[in-house]
Amino acid sequence: MLGLQHVLVMYTGCVTVPLVFGAAAGLDASTIALLINADLMVAGVVTMIQGAGVGRLLGVRMPVMAGAAFTAVTPMILIAGEYGIQAVYGSMLAAGIFGLLFAWPFAKAARFFPPLVSGVVITVVGLALIGVGVNLVVGSDPKAADYAAPSRLALAAFVVIVILLVARFGRGFLAQTGVLLGLLAGTAVAVPLGLVDLSAVRGADWIGVSAPFHFGAPEFPPVAVISMCVVMLVLFAESTADLIAVAELTGKDVAGCHRTPRSTIQRRGRIGAWPPLVADQAAPHRDPQVDRLAQVHPH
């Protein structure tokens, strides 16, 4: 049951990140579905590696679950708009390699990055995504008949209210699933309003495989690569803090030991180099998972 709760908390990010990125990049529904499938697949594989470990090379062997990081969404959208989707995955491949090379020195310097720094970065990223969210609500074509239609605005307000109510009055696991419950409630209301099209679902295969390089050969514009490398550094700081918190909650002794922070950072670099191969943009980072662990395993 605890594992199912963690999956539900993780599921929100693994679905929302590809939805936001795909909509902003102008991808069709089938391609966005491919991103979601690849996102969930990578999250599952990395979760097993993190929990069980592979020798001394991979995995922190702690109860952590990989998810999708919102930190990279805005840079990905900007790169897609300026250079194209191939550049998004090329820059992610390059950032993954950068992460592998930079893991060891960053592990030694991680203590110099206070929570204030990463907190400001995450806040700026969230504010930058407001425009994307607004376009998803009102529509992208001002000349369309349903642009900013009252039904769309009312549905968006309903979803926000559901999320806020769950976050405010929910307890424990329920409070962590507010966004997921908001998505489900909003979809249920959208069906009778004619805002949900399930035709693509009816024709979809039950089992499929994410083909490597779905978008073609990756491209490596220098500006895009540098941008994603900076994002990788931010994710380094976030994931290091997350894993240290989990270690404290589970009684793991990481004080004075560089191996745990380094393995945390190295897994970030490894998975950063892998997802673009299967058309995914996920990165393992889920602060709500740490919160959930704290609720069921208090010290």
C-alpha atoms as a PDB file:
ATOM      1  CA  MET A   1       0.000   0.000   0.000  1.00  0.00           C
ATOM      2  CA  LEU A   2       2.857   2.388   0.797  1.00  0.00           C
ATOM      3  CA  GLY A   3       4.388   1.731  -2.631  1.00  0.00           C
ATOM      4  CA  LEU A   4       1.047   2.497  -4.312  1.00  0.00           C
ATOM      5  CA  GLN A   5       0.830   5.797  -2.425  1.00  0.00           C
ATOM      6  CA  HIS A   6       4.289   6.804  -3.632  1.00  0.00           C
ATOM      7  CA  VAL A   7       3.350   5.873  -7.209  1.00  0.00           C
ATOM      8  CA  LEU A   8       0.245   8.056  -7.096  1.00  0.00           C
ATOM      9  CA  VAL A   9       2.252  11.000  -5.760  1.00  0.00           C
ATOM     10  CA  MET A  10       4.877  10.481  -8.468  1.00  0.00           C
ATOM     11  CA  TYR A  11       2.335   9.967 -11.250  1.00  0.00           C
ATOM     12  CA  THR A  12       1.229  13.598 -11.259  1.00  0.00           C
ATOM     13  CA  GLY A  13       4.611  14.934 -12.351  1.00  0.00           C
ATOM     14  CA  CYS A  14       5.238  12.142 -14.828  1.00  0.00           C
ATOM     15  CA  VAL A  15       2.021  13.054 -16.628  1.00  0.00           C
ATOM     16  CA  THR A  16       1.950  16.822 -16.150  1.00  0.00           C
ATOM     17  CA  VAL A  17       5.484  17.564 -17.374  1.00  0.00           C
ATOM     18  CA  PRO A  18       5.009  15.960 -20.817  1.00  0.00           C
ATOM     19  CA  LEU A  19       1.543  17.522 -21.098  1.00  0.00           C
ATOM     20  CA  VAL A  20       2.876  21.023 -20.449  1.00  0.00           C
ATOM     21  CA  PHE A  21       5.945  20.614 -22.623  1.00  0.00           C
ATOM     22  CA  GLY A  22       4.051  18.919 -25.447  1.00  0.00           C
ATOM     23  CA  ALA A  23       1.348  21.581 -25.541  1.00  0.00           C
ATOM     24  CA  ALA A  24       3.881  24.405 -25.502  1.00  0.00           C
ATOM     25  CA  ALA A  25       5.975  22.744 -28.215  1.00  0.00           C
ATOM     26  CA  GLY A  26       2.938  22.203 -30.445  1.00  0.00           C
ATOM     27  CA  LEU A  27       3.085  18.408 -30.410  1.00  0.00           C
ATOM     28  CA  ASP A  28       0.036  16.361 -31.349  1.00  0.00           C
ATOM     29  CA  ALA A  29      -1.844  14.118 -28.930  1.00  0.00           C
ATOM     30  CA  SER A  30      -0.191  10.874 -30.067  1.00  0.00           C
ATOM     31  CA  THR A  31       3.296  12.335 -29.624  1.00  0.00           C
ATOM     32  CA  ILE A  32       2.448  13.666 -26.165  1.00  0.00           C
ATOM     33  CA  ALA A  33       1.166  10.194 -25.275  1.00  0.00           C
ATOM     34  CA  LEU A  34       4.519   8.799 -26.407  1.00  0.00           C
ATOM     35  CA  LEU A  35       6.291  11.224 -24.061  1.00  0.00           C
ATOM     36  CA  ILE A  36       4.093  10.176 -21.151  1.00  0.00           C
ATOM     37  CA  ASN A  37       4.719   6.485 -21.847  1.00  0.00           C
ATOM     38  CA  ALA A  38       8.464   7.003 -22.038  1.00  0.00           C
ATOM     39  CA  ASP A  39       8.371   9.168 -18.910  1.00  0.00           C
ATOM     40  CA  LEU A  40       6.636   6.488 -16.864  1.00  0.00           C
ATOM     41  CA  MET A  41       8.868   3.733 -18.241  1.00  0.00           C
ATOM     42  CA  VAL A  42      12.080   5.586 -17.355  1.00  0.00           C
ATOM     43  CA  ALA A  43      10.733   6.492 -13.919  1.00  0.00           C
ATOM     44  CA  GLY A  44       9.950   2.845 -13.214  1.00  0.00           C
ATOM     45  CA  VAL A  45      13.324   1.553 -14.371  1.00  0.00           C
ATOM     46  CA  VAL A  46      15.266   4.185 -12.432  1.00  0.00           C
ATOM     47  CA  THR A  47      13.181   3.538  -9.315  1.00  0.00           C
ATOM     48  CA  MET A  48      14.134  -0.143  -9.384  1.00  0.00           C
ATOM     49  CA  ILE A  49      17.794   0.709  -9.911  1.00  0.00           C
ATOM     50  CA  GLN A  50      17.753   3.239  -7.091  1.00  0.00           C
ATOM     51  CA  GLY A  51      16.096   0.845  -4.678  1.00  0.00           C
ATOM     52  CA  ALA A  52      17.973  -2.372  -5.463  1.00  0.00           C
ATOM     53  CA  GLY A  53      21.248  -0.979  -6.782  1.00  0.00           C
ATOM     54  CA  VAL A  54      23.611  -2.418  -9.365  1.00  0.00           C
ATOM     55  CA  GLY A  55      26.927  -3.280  -7.775  1.00  0.00           C
ATOM     56  CA  ARG A  56      28.790  -0.209  -6.555  1.00  0.00           C
ATOM     57  CA  LEU A  57      28.062   1.796  -9.689  1.00  0.00           C
ATOM     58  CA  LEU A  58      24.320   2.535  -9.594  1.00  0.00           C
ATOM     59  CA  GLY A  59      21.657   3.139  -6.986  1.00  0.00           C
ATOM     60  CA  VAL A  60      21.571   4.645  -3.518  1.00  0.00           C
ATOM     61  CA  ARG A  61      19.635   1.652  -2.097  1.00  0.00           C
ATOM     62  CA  MET A  62      17.104   3.780  -0.282  1.00  0.00           C
ATOM     63  CA  PRO A  63      13.299   4.040  -0.603  1.00  0.00           C
ATOM     64  CA  VAL A  64      13.189   6.683  -3.317  1.00  0.00           C
ATOM     65  CA  MET A  65      11.028   6.918  -6.409  1.00  0.00           C
ATOM     66  CA  ALA A  66      12.018   8.652  -9.620  1.00  0.00           C
ATOM     67  CA  GLY A  67       9.666  11.195 -11.126  1.00  0.00           C
ATOM     68  CA  ALA A  68       9.638  14.178 -13.452  1.00  0.00           C
ATOM     69  CA  ALA A  69      11.400  17.462 -12.686  1.00  0.00           C
ATOM     70  CA  PHE A  70       9.600  20.687 -13.550  1.00  0.00           C
ATOM     71  CA  THR A  71      12.866  22.608 -13.380  1.00  0.00           C
ATOM     72  CA  ALA A  72      13.768  21.658 -16.948  1.00  0.00           C
ATOM     73  CA  VAL A  73      10.376  22.416 -18.506  1.00  0.00           C
ATOM     74  CA  THR A  74      10.885  26.117 -19.249  1.00  0.00           C
ATOM     75  CA  PRO A  75      14.369  25.687 -20.799  1.00  0.00           C
ATOM     76  CA  MET A  76      13.043  22.788 -22.886  1.00  0.00           C
ATOM     77  CA  ILE A  77      10.162  24.914 -24.182  1.00  0.00           C
ATOM     78  CA  LEU A  78      12.495  27.773 -25.060  1.00  0.00           C
ATOM     79  CA  ILE A  79      14.950  25.449 -26.807  1.00  0.00           C
ATOM     80  CA  ALA A  80      12.142  23.775 -28.770  1.00  0.00           C
ATOM     81  CA  GLY A  81      10.846  27.159 -29.914  1.00  0.00           C
ATOM     82  CA  GLU A  82      14.262  28.459 -30.954  1.00  0.00           C
ATOM     83  CA  TYR A  83      16.040  25.386 -32.327  1.00  0.00           C
ATOM     84  CA  GLY A  84      13.466  22.608 -32.672  1.00  0.00           C
ATOM     85  CA  ILE A  85      12.616  19.411 -30.830  1.00  0.00           C
ATOM     86  CA  GLN A  86      15.816  17.657 -31.959  1.00  0.00           C
ATOM     87  CA  ALA A  87      17.840  20.282 -30.102  1.00  0.00           C
ATOM     88  CA  VAL A  88      15.902  19.572 -26.901  1.00  0.00           C
ATOM     89  CA  TYR A  89      17.024  15.969 -26.859  1.00  0.00           C
ATOM     90  CA  GLY A  90      20.510  16.730 -28.114  1.00  0.00           C
ATOM     91  CA  SER A  91      21.029  19.233 -25.318  1.00  0.00           C
ATOM     92  CA  MET A  92      19.713  16.704 -22.795  1.00  0.00           C
ATOM     93  CA  LEU A  93      22.133  14.062 -24.030  1.00  0.00           C
ATOM     94  CA  ALA A  94      25.004  16.527 -23.719  1.00  0.00           C
ATOM     95  CA  ALA A  95      23.824  17.604 -20.252  1.00  0.00           C
ATOM     96  CA  GLY A  96      23.703  13.958 -19.175  1.00  0.00           C
ATOM     97  CA  ILE A  97      27.310  13.427 -20.214  1.00  0.00           C
ATOM     98  CA  PHE A  98      28.220  16.683 -18.482  1.00  0.00           C
ATOM     99  CA  GLY A  99      26.532  15.341 -15.359  1.00  0.00           C
ATOM    100  CA  LEU A 100      28.627  12.180 -15.387  1.00  0.00           C
ATOM    101  CA  LEU A 101      31.839  14.171 -15.708  1.00  0.00           C
ATOM    102  CA  PHE A 102      30.922  16.823 -13.161  1.00  0.00           C
ATOM    103  CA  ALA A 103      29.425  14.540 -10.494  1.00  0.00           C
ATOM    104  CA  TRP A 104      32.567  14.113  -8.398  1.00  0.00           C
ATOM    105  CA  PRO A 105      33.581  17.799  -8.088  1.00  0.00           C
ATOM    106  CA  PHE A 106      29.965  18.828  -7.503  1.00  0.00           C
ATOM    107  CA  ALA A 107      29.618  16.307  -4.674  1.00  0.00           C
ATOM    108  CA  LYS A 108      32.412  18.113  -2.866  1.00  0.00           C
ATOM    109  CA  ALA A 109      30.897  21.538  -3.541  1.00  0.00           C
ATOM    110  CA  ALA A 110      27.247  20.663  -2.815  1.00  0.00           C
ATOM    111  CA  ARG A 111      27.419  22.018   0.733  1.00  0.00           C
ATOM    112  CA  PHE A 112      27.951  25.530  -0.661  1.00  0.00           C
ATOM    113  CA  PHE A 113      24.485  25.569  -2.295  1.00  0.00           C
ATOM    114  CA  PRO A 114      21.960  26.611   0.383  1.00  0.00           C
ATOM    115  CA  PRO A 115      18.243  25.813   0.043  1.00  0.00           C
ATOM    116  CA  LEU A 116      17.601  29.509  -0.645  1.00  0.00           C
ATOM    117  CA  VAL A 117      19.407  29.279  -3.991  1.00  0.00           C
ATOM    118  CA  SER A 118      17.509  26.277  -5.330  1.00  0.00           C
ATOM    119  CA  GLY A 119      14.276  27.669  -3.881  1.00  0.00           C
ATOM    120  CA  VAL A 120      14.616  30.900  -5.842  1.00  0.00           C
ATOM    121  CA  VAL A 121      15.392  28.984  -9.038  1.00  0.00           C
ATOM    122  CA  ILE A 122      12.339  26.751  -8.636  1.00  0.00           C
ATOM    123  CA  THR A 123      10.143  29.790  -7.966  1.00  0.00           C
ATOM    124  CA  VAL A 124      11.374  31.535 -11.108  1.00  0.00           C
ATOM    125  CA  VAL A 125      10.731  28.383 -13.140  1.00  0.00           C
ATOM    126  CA  GLY A 126       7.190  28.171 -11.795  1.00  0.00           C
ATOM    127  CA  LEU A 127       6.476  31.805 -12.631  1.00  0.00           C
ATOM    128  CA  ALA A 128       7.846  31.319 -16.149  1.00  0.00           C
ATOM    129  CA  LEU A 129       5.344  28.487 -16.697  1.00  0.00           C
ATOM    130  CA  ILE A 130       2.330  30.672 -15.929  1.00  0.00           C
ATOM    131  CA  GLY A 131       2.084  31.801 -19.552  1.00  0.00           C
ATOM    132  CA  VAL A 132       2.039  28.208 -20.767  1.00  0.00           C
ATOM    133  CA  GLY A 133      -0.710  27.346 -18.308  1.00  0.00           C
ATOM    134  CA  VAL A 134      -2.822  30.309 -19.370  1.00  0.00           C
ATOM    135  CA  ASN A 135      -2.568  29.285 -23.029  1.00  0.00           C
ATOM    136  CA  LEU A 136      -3.671  25.771 -22.135  1.00  0.00           C
ATOM    137  CA  VAL A 137      -6.741  27.216 -20.410  1.00  0.00           C
ATOM    138  CA  VAL A 138      -7.911  29.878 -22.873  1.00  0.00           C
ATOM    139  CA  GLY A 139      -6.531  28.310 -26.065  1.00  0.00           C
ATOM    140  CA  SER A 140      -3.661  29.184 -28.358  1.00  0.00           C
ATOM    141  CA  ASP A 141      -5.666  30.769 -31.183  1.00  0.00           C
ATOM    142  CA  PRO A 142      -7.286  34.120 -30.302  1.00  0.00           C
ATOM    143  CA  LYS A 143      -9.450  33.885 -33.439  1.00  0.00           C
ATOM    144  CA  ALA A 144     -10.974  30.522 -32.468  1.00  0.00           C
ATOM    145  CA  ALA A 145     -14.645  30.467 -31.532  1.00  0.00           C
ATOM    146  CA  ASP A 146     -13.974  28.858 -28.154  1.00  0.00           C
ATOM    147  CA  TYR A 147     -11.039  31.086 -27.232  1.00  0.00           C
ATOM    148  CA  ALA A 148     -11.351  32.031 -23.531  1.00  0.00           C
ATOM    149  CA  ALA A 149     -14.850  30.529 -23.496  1.00  0.00           C
ATOM    150  CA  PRO A 150     -16.641  30.765 -20.122  1.00  0.00           C
ATOM    151  CA  SER A 151     -16.841  26.973 -19.901  1.00  0.00           C
ATOM    152  CA  ARG A 152     -13.065  26.687 -20.216  1.00  0.00           C
ATOM    153  CA  LEU A 153     -12.439  29.366 -17.601  1.00  0.00           C
ATOM    154  CA  ALA A 154     -14.989  27.844 -15.222  1.00  0.00           C
ATOM    155  CA  LEU A 155     -13.422  24.392 -15.611  1.00  0.00           C
ATOM    156  CA  ALA A 156      -9.954  25.795 -14.911  1.00  0.00           C
ATOM    157  CA  ALA A 157     -11.248  27.558 -11.796  1.00  0.00           C
ATOM    158  CA  PHE A 158     -12.908  24.325 -10.648  1.00  0.00           C
ATOM    159  CA  VAL A 159      -9.629  22.383 -10.984  1.00  0.00           C
ATOM    160  CA  VAL A 160      -7.722  25.041  -9.037  1.00  0.00           C
ATOM    161  CA  ILE A 161     -10.349  25.008  -6.275  1.00  0.00           C
ATOM    162  CA  VAL A 162     -10.191  21.205  -6.001  1.00  0.00           C
ATOM    163  CA  ILE A 163      -6.398  21.275  -5.715  1.00  0.00           C
ATOM    164  CA  LEU A 164      -6.461  24.036  -3.093  1.00  0.00           C
ATOM    165  CA  LEU A 165      -9.152  22.306  -1.036  1.00  0.00           C
ATOM    166  CA  VAL A 166      -7.288  19.001  -1.045  1.00  0.00           C
ATOM    167  CA  ALA A 167      -4.016  20.723  -0.132  1.00  0.00           C
ATOM    168  CA  ARG A 168      -5.700  22.716   2.650  1.00  0.00           C
ATOM    169  CA  PHE A 169      -7.953  20.118   4.237  1.00  0.00           C
ATOM    170  CA  GLY A 170      -6.345  16.859   3.121  1.00  0.00           C
ATOM    171  CA  ARG A 171      -4.128  14.941   5.513  1.00  0.00           C
ATOM    172  CA  GLY A 172      -1.085  12.804   4.880  1.00  0.00           C
ATOM    173  CA  PHE A 173      -1.141  10.920   1.606  1.00  0.00           C
ATOM    174  CA  LEU A 174      -4.344  12.626   0.411  1.00  0.00           C
ATOM    175  CA  ALA A 175      -2.785  16.095   0.621  1.00  0.00           C
ATOM    176  CA  GLN A 176       0.114  14.970  -1.585  1.00  0.00           C
ATOM    177  CA  THR A 177      -2.214  13.874  -4.391  1.00  0.00           C
ATOM    178  CA  GLY A 178      -4.042  17.196  -4.775  1.00  0.00           C
ATOM    179  CA  VAL A 179      -2.839  17.863  -8.316  1.00  0.00           C
ATOM    180  CA  LEU A 180      -3.672  14.329  -9.452  1.00  0.00           C
ATOM    181  CA  LEU A 181      -7.147  14.535  -7.918  1.00  0.00           C
ATOM    182  CA  GLY A 182      -7.635  17.925  -9.563  1.00  0.00           C
ATOM    183  CA  LEU A 183      -6.746  16.447 -12.948  1.00  0.00           C
ATOM    184  CA  LEU A 184      -9.145  13.544 -12.470  1.00  0.00           C
ATOM    185  CA  ALA A 185     -11.986  15.752 -11.232  1.00  0.00           C
ATOM    186  CA  GLY A 186     -11.473  18.251 -14.040  1.00  0.00           C
ATOM    187  CA  THR A 187     -11.456  15.509 -16.660  1.00  0.00           C
ATOM    188  CA  ALA A 188     -14.662  14.034 -15.244  1.00  0.00           C
ATOM    189  CA  VAL A 189     -16.391  17.418 -15.506  1.00  0.00           C
ATOM    190  CA  ALA A 190     -14.937  18.093 -18.972  1.00  0.00           C
ATOM    191  CA  VAL A 191     -16.459  14.938 -20.481  1.00  0.00           C
ATOM    192  CA  PRO A 192     -20.101  16.125 -20.485  1.00  0.00           C
ATOM    193  CA  LEU A 193     -18.927  19.554 -21.669  1.00  0.00           C
ATOM    194  CA  GLY A 194     -17.515  17.966 -24.823  1.00  0.00           C
ATOM    195  CA  LEU A 195     -13.952  19.028 -24.020  1.00  0.00           C
ATOM    196  CA  VAL A 196     -12.522  15.492 -23.928  1.00  0.00           C
ATOM    197  CA  ASP A 197     -11.689  13.588 -27.112  1.00  0.00           C
ATOM    198  CA  LEU A 198     -11.029   9.890 -26.524  1.00  0.00           C
ATOM    199  CA  SER A 199     -10.894   8.879 -30.176  1.00  0.00           C
ATOM    200  CA  ALA A 200      -7.115   8.493 -30.086  1.00  0.00           C
ATOM    201  CA  VAL A 201      -7.373   6.265 -27.013  1.00  0.00           C
ATOM    202  CA  ARG A 202      -9.787   3.887 -28.701  1.00  0.00           C
ATOM    203  CA  GLY A 203      -7.368   3.259 -31.546  1.00  0.00           C
ATOM    204  CA  ALA A 204      -4.247   3.016 -29.389  1.00  0.00           C
ATOM    205  CA  ASP A 205      -2.367  -0.260 -28.854  1.00  0.00           C
ATOM    206  CA  TRP A 206      -2.484  -1.901 -25.428  1.00  0.00           C
ATOM    207  CA  ILE A 207       1.265  -2.508 -25.483  1.00  0.00           C
ATOM    208  CA  GLY A 208       3.864  -0.383 -27.237  1.00  0.00           C
ATOM    209  CA  VAL A 209       7.570   0.381 -27.218  1.00  0.00           C
ATOM    210  CA  SER A 210       9.085   3.847 -27.294  1.00  0.00           C
ATOM    211  CA  ALA A 211      11.334   3.848 -30.350  1.00  0.00           C
ATOM    212  CA  PRO A 212      14.775   5.438 -29.919  1.00  0.00           C
ATOM    213  CA  PHE A 213      15.291   8.800 -31.646  1.00  0.00           C
ATOM    214  CA  HIS A 214      11.610   9.187 -32.433  1.00  0.00           C
ATOM    215  CA  PHE A 215      12.192  12.831 -33.405  1.00  0.00           C
ATOM    216  CA  GLY A 216      15.207  12.150 -35.575  1.00  0.00           C
ATOM    217  CA  ALA A 217      18.916  12.684 -35.039  1.00  0.00           C
ATOM    218  CA  PRO A 218      19.629  14.957 -32.043  1.00  0.00           C
ATOM    219  CA  GLU A 219      21.126  18.396 -32.579  1.00  0.00           C
ATOM    220  CA  PHE A 220      23.537  20.214 -30.282  1.00  0.00           C
ATOM    221  CA  PRO A 221      23.271  24.026 -30.464  1.00  0.00           C
ATOM    222  CA  PRO A 222      25.891  25.427 -28.033  1.00  0.00           C
ATOM    223  CA  VAL A 223      23.445  27.774 -26.304  1.00  0.00           C
ATOM    224  CA  ALA A 224      20.924  24.974 -25.760  1.00  0.00           C
ATOM    225  CA  VAL A 225      23.604  22.621 -24.430  1.00  0.00           C
ATOM    226  CA  ILE A 226      24.907  25.221 -21.978  1.00  0.00           C
ATOM    227  CA  SER A 227      21.383  25.969 -20.789  1.00  0.00           C
ATOM    228  CA  MET A 228      20.631  22.323 -20.060  1.00  0.00           C
ATOM    229  CA  CYS A 229      23.976  21.908 -18.293  1.00  0.00           C
ATOM    230  CA  VAL A 230      22.979  24.752 -15.967  1.00  0.00           C
ATOM    231  CA  VAL A 231      19.657  22.990 -15.373  1.00  0.00           C
ATOM    232  CA  MET A 232      21.607  19.834 -14.558  1.00  0.00           C
ATOM    233  CA  LEU A 233      23.506  21.711 -11.837  1.00  0.00           C
ATOM    234  CA  VAL A 234      20.223  22.845 -10.304  1.00  0.00           C
ATOM    235  CA  LEU A 235      18.918  19.283 -10.376  1.00  0.00           C
ATOM    236  CA  PHE A 236      22.161  18.148  -8.750  1.00  0.00           C
ATOM    237  CA  ALA A 237      21.497  20.415  -5.781  1.00  0.00           C
ATOM    238  CA  GLU A 238      17.844  19.369  -5.522  1.00  0.00           C
ATOM    239  CA  SER A 239      18.470  15.634  -5.726  1.00  0.00           C
ATOM    240  CA  THR A 240      21.366  15.801  -3.269  1.00  0.00           C
ATOM    241  CA  ALA A 241      19.143  17.522  -0.704  1.00  0.00           C
ATOM    242  CA  ASP A 242      16.352  15.001  -1.322  1.00  0.00           C
ATOM    243  CA  LEU A 243      18.575  11.976  -0.848  1.00  0.00           C
ATOM    244  CA  ILE A 244      20.197  13.370   2.287  1.00  0.00           C
ATOM    245  CA  ALA A 245      16.700  13.935   3.715  1.00  0.00           C
ATOM    246  CA  VAL A 246      15.691  10.359   2.882  1.00  0.00           C
ATOM    247  CA  ALA A 247      18.900   9.061   4.445  1.00  0.00           C
ATOM    248  CA  GLU A 248      18.123  10.890   7.675  1.00  0.00           C
ATOM    249  CA  LEU A 249      14.545   9.580   7.738  1.00  0.00           C
ATOM    250  CA  THR A 250      15.626   5.980   7.176  1.00  0.00           C
ATOM    251  CA  GLY A 251      18.581   6.056   9.563  1.00  0.00           C
ATOM    252  CA  LYS A 252      21.288   5.928   6.903  1.00  0.00           C
ATOM    253  CA  ASP A 253      24.552   7.448   8.088  1.00  0.00           C
ATOM    254  CA  VAL A 254      25.826   9.820   5.405  1.00  0.00           C
ATOM    255  CA  ALA A 255      27.631  12.256   7.652  1.00  0.00           C
ATOM    256  CA  GLY A 256      31.172  12.761   6.439  1.00  0.00           C
ATOM    257  CA  CYS A 257      30.659  10.264   3.616  1.00  0.00           C
ATOM    258  CA  HIS A 258      31.033  11.519   0.036  1.00  0.00           C
ATOM    259  CA  ARG A 259      29.782   8.302  -1.524  1.00  0.00           C
ATOM    260  CA  THR A 260      26.083   8.892  -0.970  1.00  0.00           C
ATOM    261  CA  PRO A 261      25.965  12.463  -2.344  1.00  0.00           C
ATOM    262  CA  ARG A 262      28.160  11.435  -5.268  1.00  0.00           C
ATOM    263  CA  SER A 263      26.006   8.422  -6.141  1.00  0.00           C
ATOM    264  CA  THR A 264      22.981  10.679  -5.918  1.00  0.00           C
ATOM    265  CA  ILE A 265      24.537  13.133  -8.353  1.00  0.00           C
ATOM    266  CA  GLN A 266      25.874  10.444 -10.673  1.00  0.00           C
ATOM    267  CA  ARG A 267      22.474   8.836 -11.049  1.00  0.00           C
ATOM    268  CA  ARG A 268      21.164  12.264 -12.080  1.00  0.00           C
ATOM    269  CA  GLY A 269      23.793  12.459 -14.797  1.00  0.00           C
ATOM    270  CA  ARG A 270      23.255   8.897 -15.989  1.00  0.00           C
ATOM    271  CA  ILE A 271      19.504   9.230 -16.294  1.00  0.00           C
ATOM    272  CA  GLY A 272      19.943  12.636 -17.902  1.00  0.00           C
ATOM    273  CA  ALA A 273      21.938  10.970 -20.653  1.00  0.00           C
ATOM    274  CA  TRP A 274      19.432   8.154 -21.173  1.00  0.00           C
ATOM    275  CA  PRO A 275      15.863   9.566 -21.427  1.00  0.00           C
ATOM    276  CA  PRO A 276      16.316  11.416 -24.750  1.00  0.00           C
ATOM    277  CA  LEU A 277      17.022   8.076 -26.389  1.00  0.00           C
ATOM    278  CA  VAL A 278      13.438   7.026 -25.694  1.00  0.00           C
ATOM    279  CA  ALA A 279      11.796  10.404 -26.279  1.00  0.00           C
ATOM    280  CA  ASP A 280      11.455  11.271 -22.615  1.00  0.00           C
ATOM    281  CA  GLN A 281      12.165  14.420 -20.653  1.00  0.00           C
ATOM    282  CA  ALA A 282      11.950  13.109 -17.114  1.00  0.00           C
ATOM    283  CA  ALA A 283      14.453  13.527 -14.357  1.00  0.00           C
ATOM    284  CA  PRO A 284      14.350  11.819 -10.967  1.00  0.00           C
ATOM    285  CA  HIS A 285      13.193  14.408  -8.495  1.00  0.00           C
ATOM    286  CA  ARG A 286      10.132  14.242  -6.283  1.00  0.00           C
ATOM    287  CA  ASP A 287      10.091  16.315  -3.096  1.00  0.00           C
ATOM    288  CA  PRO A 288       6.545  15.066  -2.245  1.00  0.00           C
ATOM    289  CA  GLN A 289       8.017  11.573  -2.017  1.00  0.00           C
ATOM    290  CA  VAL A 290      10.279  12.799   0.777  1.00  0.00           C
ATOM    291  CA  ASP A 291       7.286  14.382   2.513  1.00  0.00           C
ATOM    292  CA  ARG A 292       5.330  11.137   2.249  1.00  0.00           C
ATOM    293  CA  LEU A 293       8.233   9.142   3.684  1.00  0.00           C
ATOM    294  CA  ALA A 294       8.478  11.574   6.570  1.00  0.00           C
ATOM    295  CA  GLN A 295       4.783  11.006   7.364  1.00  0.00           C
ATOM    296  CA  VAL A 296       5.050   7.218   7.521  1.00  0.00           C
ATOM    297  CA  HIS A 297       8.577   7.025   8.979  1.00  0.00           C
ATOM    298  CA  PRO A 298       8.893   9.889  11.476  1.00  0.00           C
ATOM    299  CA  HIS A 299      12.068  10.267  13.516  1.00  0.00           C
END
